[in-house]
C-alpha cells in the first residue's frame, strides 16, 4: 500500500439503462451525457466541479462508455456480470468499487452536495487506506450500517477484492433475506450491489 495520501480526485457516475447503446456524442465527449442529468442533481455536480477546480483537484464523471472500457481493459473477468445487471443503479453501484481500486480518490453520489469545508474534511482522513461512511442509526439494522454513496480510498486498497468476492456471490443464508427480496426489487439492489455488499465485505475484512 502506498504511503501517498488518498488522491485528490472526485469520481461521480451517471449511467443510462443497461442494454442501451451509448450515443456517439457520449463517446466523443462524455460530458454530453450530462445533459440528461436531472435538474435536481445538477447543482450538486456543479458544486463538486467548482470546488475541485478551485482546489486544484481532478474531477471526473463516469458514463457508460468509460465504465465499459475500464472493465474490459483492467477487470475483464467482471464484464459479463456487469452487463447482466437489470438496473442501471446496479451497474453504478458496482463500477465505483473498481474505479476506486484502480484510481483511488473520492466517490460521491450525484445527489450529495459538498459543503465549503469539504477539503478540510479530506485533510482529516487523507492518510487512511479507506474511509467508509455510515448511515444514521434509525436507517440501519444489525451489521447493515454502511452506505456506498460517499467513499474515500487509496488505489489498490485491500478492501476492494473482498468487495468483489461478495459481488460475485451476494446470496445470504438468512431468514430475513428472501423475505425482503420478495417484497421489492429495491432489496435485491441493496444486497446484490449496494450498501449490503459494503457491509458484508466490512464484516469479513475487519470483524471489529
Protein backbone atom coordinates (compact mmCIF):
# COMPACT_ATOMS: atom_id res chain seq x y z
CA UNK A 1 0.00 0.00 0.00
CA UNK A 2 1.30 3.42 -0.96
CA UNK A 3 2.37 5.92 1.68
CA UNK A 4 0.92 8.66 -0.51
CA UNK A 5 -2.37 10.25 0.63
CA UNK A 6 -5.69 9.47 -0.98
CA UNK A 7 -5.53 11.02 -4.48
CA UNK A 8 -7.20 14.39 -4.95
CA UNK A 9 -9.79 13.29 -7.45
CA UNK A 10 -13.58 13.14 -7.16
CA UNK A 11 -15.40 10.46 -9.14
CA UNK A 12 -19.12 10.51 -9.90
CA UNK A 13 -21.15 8.10 -12.05
CA UNK A 14 -24.07 8.72 -14.42
CA UNK A 15 -25.22 5.71 -16.48
CA UNK A 16 -28.07 5.09 -18.88
CA UNK A 17 -30.14 1.92 -18.69
CA UNK A 18 -28.35 -1.44 -19.21
CA UNK A 19 -28.52 -2.67 -22.78
CA UNK A 20 -28.80 0.77 -24.32
CA UNK A 21 -26.15 1.91 -26.76
CA UNK A 22 -24.18 4.96 -25.73
CA UNK A 23 -24.76 7.75 -28.26
CA UNK A 24 -21.87 8.83 -30.43
CA UNK A 25 -21.87 12.19 -28.66
CA UNK A 26 -21.05 10.46 -25.36
CA UNK A 27 -18.19 8.50 -26.89
CA UNK A 28 -16.67 11.67 -28.34
CA UNK A 29 -17.34 13.84 -25.31
CA UNK A 30 -18.54 12.13 -22.08
CA UNK A 31 -19.76 15.46 -20.72
CA UNK A 32 -22.57 15.47 -23.31
CA UNK A 33 -24.36 12.68 -21.47
CA UNK A 34 -24.76 15.02 -18.51
CA UNK A 35 -27.41 16.90 -20.48
CA UNK A 36 -29.73 14.10 -19.31
CA UNK A 37 -28.86 14.62 -15.66
CA UNK A 38 -31.98 15.51 -13.61
CA UNK A 39 -32.17 19.20 -12.81
CA UNK A 40 -32.35 18.49 -9.06
CA UNK A 41 -28.84 16.97 -9.18
CA UNK A 42 -27.14 19.45 -11.47
CA UNK A 43 -26.38 21.92 -8.70
CA UNK A 44 -24.70 19.13 -6.68
CA UNK A 45 -22.44 18.20 -9.58
CA UNK A 46 -21.71 21.87 -10.29
CA UNK A 47 -20.66 22.46 -6.69
CA UNK A 48 -18.26 19.49 -6.70
CA UNK A 49 -16.80 20.63 -10.00
CA UNK A 50 -16.43 24.19 -8.69
CA UNK A 51 -14.66 23.01 -5.50
CA UNK A 52 -12.32 20.73 -7.43
CA UNK A 53 -11.34 23.47 -9.87
CA UNK A 54 -10.77 25.95 -7.05
CA UNK A 55 -8.60 23.49 -5.10
CA UNK A 56 -6.61 22.06 -7.99
CA UNK A 57 -8.31 18.68 -7.79
CA UNK A 58 -9.26 16.42 -10.68
CA UNK A 59 -12.98 15.86 -11.27
CA UNK A 60 -14.46 13.09 -13.39
CA UNK A 61 -17.93 11.83 -14.24
CA UNK A 62 -18.01 8.23 -15.43
CA UNK A 63 -20.51 7.31 -18.14
CA UNK A 64 -21.41 4.02 -19.84
CA UNK A 65 -18.59 4.11 -22.35
CA UNK A 66 -15.90 4.86 -19.76
CA UNK A 67 -17.19 2.19 -17.37
CA UNK A 68 -17.23 -0.46 -20.08
CA UNK A 69 -13.72 0.48 -21.15
CA UNK A 70 -12.36 0.28 -17.58
CA UNK A 71 -13.78 -3.19 -17.03
CA UNK A 72 -12.79 -4.51 -20.45
CA UNK A 73 -9.21 -3.28 -20.00
CA UNK A 74 -8.47 -3.95 -16.33
CA UNK A 75 -11.19 -6.25 -14.98
CA UNK A 76 -12.45 -8.39 -17.90
CA UNK A 77 -13.44 -11.18 -15.51
CA UNK A 78 -16.29 -8.99 -14.21
CA UNK A 79 -17.57 -7.57 -17.50
CA UNK A 80 -20.16 -10.28 -18.22
CA UNK A 81 -21.66 -10.00 -14.75
CA UNK A 82 -21.70 -6.20 -15.01
CA UNK A 83 -23.57 -6.37 -18.30
CA UNK A 84 -26.04 -8.87 -16.85
CA UNK A 85 -27.39 -6.42 -14.27
CA UNK A 86 -31.01 -5.49 -14.82
CA UNK A 87 -30.89 -1.95 -13.44
CA UNK A 88 -28.57 0.99 -14.13
CA UNK A 89 -28.19 1.56 -10.39
CA UNK A 90 -26.66 -1.92 -10.04
CA UNK A 91 -24.03 -1.03 -12.61
CA UNK A 92 -23.47 2.35 -10.96
CA UNK A 93 -23.01 0.61 -7.62
CA UNK A 94 -20.56 -1.94 -8.96
CA UNK A 95 -18.39 0.28 -11.12
CA UNK A 96 -17.47 2.60 -8.23
CA UNK A 97 -15.71 -0.29 -6.47
CA UNK A 98 -13.46 -0.85 -9.47
CA UNK A 99 -12.86 2.86 -10.09
CA UNK A 100 -11.65 3.35 -6.53
CA UNK A 101 -9.39 0.30 -6.67
CA UNK A 102 -7.81 1.44 -9.92
CA UNK A 103 -7.51 5.17 -9.32
CA UNK A 104 -8.27 5.86 -5.68
CA UNK A 105 -9.78 9.17 -4.66
CA UNK A 106 -13.28 10.03 -3.54
CA UNK A 107 -16.50 8.62 -4.89
CA UNK A 108 -19.67 10.63 -4.28
CA UNK A 109 -23.24 10.08 -5.44
CA UNK A 110 -24.61 12.81 -7.67
CA UNK A 111 -27.26 13.81 -5.14
CA UNK A 112 -24.68 14.76 -2.50
CA UNK A 113 -23.86 18.47 -2.33
CA UNK A 114 -20.47 19.23 -0.72
CA UNK A 115 -20.11 21.96 1.87
CA UNK A 116 -17.47 24.65 1.84
CA UNK A 117 -15.27 22.73 4.31
CA UNK A 118 -15.05 19.69 2.02
CA UNK A 119 -11.27 19.97 1.56
CA UNK A 120 -10.79 20.26 5.33
CA UNK A 121 -12.75 17.02 5.75
CA UNK A 122 -10.48 15.37 3.19
CA UNK A 123 -7.38 16.57 5.06
CA UNK A 124 -8.60 14.84 8.22
CA UNK A 125 -8.72 11.42 6.57
CA UNK A 126 -6.35 11.64 3.58
CA UNK A 127 -3.76 9.23 5.03
CA UNK A 128 -6.25 6.42 5.68
CA UNK A 129 -6.28 3.46 3.33
CA UNK A 130 -10.07 3.55 3.13
CA UNK A 131 -12.87 5.63 4.62
CA UNK A 132 -16.45 4.35 4.72
CA UNK A 133 -19.46 6.35 5.83
CA UNK A 134 -22.29 5.06 7.97
CA UNK A 135 -25.98 5.79 7.93
CA UNK A 136 -27.88 7.20 10.88
CA UNK A 137 -28.90 4.53 13.38
CA UNK A 138 -32.62 4.68 12.53
CA UNK A 139 -31.84 3.59 8.96
CA UNK A 140 -29.63 0.63 9.87
CA UNK A 141 -30.11 -2.81 11.37
CA UNK A 142 -27.54 -5.22 12.75
CA UNK A 143 -24.32 -5.03 10.77
CA UNK A 144 -26.04 -3.21 7.87
CA UNK A 145 -24.80 0.24 8.81
CA UNK A 146 -22.55 1.42 5.97
CA UNK A 147 -23.56 3.26 2.83
CA UNK A 148 -21.80 3.35 -0.53
CA UNK A 149 -22.73 6.88 -1.56
CA UNK A 150 -19.52 8.52 -0.30
CA UNK A 151 -16.24 6.62 -0.07
CA UNK A 152 -12.58 7.64 0.14
CA UNK A 153 -9.87 5.20 -0.89
CA UNK A 154 -6.24 4.81 -1.84
CA UNK A 155 -5.55 2.91 -5.08
CA UNK A 156 -5.22 -0.86 -4.68
CA UNK A 157 -6.78 -0.83 -1.21
CA UNK A 158 -7.01 -4.38 0.15
CA UNK A 159 -10.70 -3.92 0.96
CA UNK A 160 -11.87 -3.93 -2.66
CA UNK A 161 -11.01 -7.55 -3.57
CA UNK A 162 -13.15 -8.56 -0.58
CA UNK A 163 -15.99 -6.48 -2.02
CA UNK A 164 -15.53 -8.20 -5.40
CA UNK A 165 -15.82 -11.58 -3.69
CA UNK A 166 -19.22 -10.61 -2.32
CA UNK A 167 -20.29 -9.10 -5.64
CA UNK A 168 -19.66 -12.45 -7.29
CA UNK A 169 -21.67 -14.32 -4.65
CA UNK A 170 -24.14 -11.97 -2.95
CA UNK A 171 -26.66 -14.55 -1.74
CA UNK A 172 -27.17 -14.80 2.02
CA UNK A 173 -28.27 -17.71 4.16
CA UNK A 174 -30.57 -15.79 6.47
CA UNK A 175 -34.35 -16.00 7.03
CA UNK A 176 -34.88 -12.26 6.53
CA UNK A 177 -33.03 -12.17 3.23
CA UNK A 178 -35.51 -13.98 0.98
CA UNK A 179 -38.41 -12.33 2.75
CA UNK A 180 -37.07 -8.89 1.86
CA UNK A 181 -36.29 -9.88 -1.73
CA UNK A 182 -39.91 -10.95 -2.15
CA UNK A 183 -41.15 -7.51 -1.11
CA UNK A 184 -39.44 -5.29 -3.70
CA UNK A 185 -36.63 -5.20 -6.25
CA UNK A 186 -35.09 -2.46 -4.13
CA UNK A 187 -33.79 -5.05 -1.71
CA UNK A 188 -32.15 -7.05 -4.50
CA UNK A 189 -30.24 -3.94 -5.48
CA UNK A 190 -29.40 -3.15 -1.86
CA UNK A 191 -27.93 -6.57 -1.10
CA UNK A 192 -26.52 -7.59 -4.50
CA UNK A 193 -24.55 -4.47 -5.44
CA UNK A 194 -25.39 -1.70 -2.99
CA UNK A 195 -24.64 -0.91 0.66
CA UNK A 196 -25.32 -4.51 1.70
CA UNK A 197 -22.24 -5.59 -0.25
CA UNK A 198 -20.12 -2.98 1.53
CA UNK A 199 -21.45 -4.11 4.91
CA UNK A 200 -20.78 -7.79 4.20
CA UNK A 201 -17.26 -7.03 3.00
CA UNK A 202 -16.56 -4.82 6.01
CA UNK A 203 -17.72 -7.56 8.40
CA UNK A 204 -15.34 -10.03 6.74
CA UNK A 205 -12.44 -7.61 6.31
CA UNK A 206 -12.49 -6.32 9.89
CA UNK A 207 -14.94 -8.11 12.23
CA UNK A 208 -14.28 -5.50 14.95
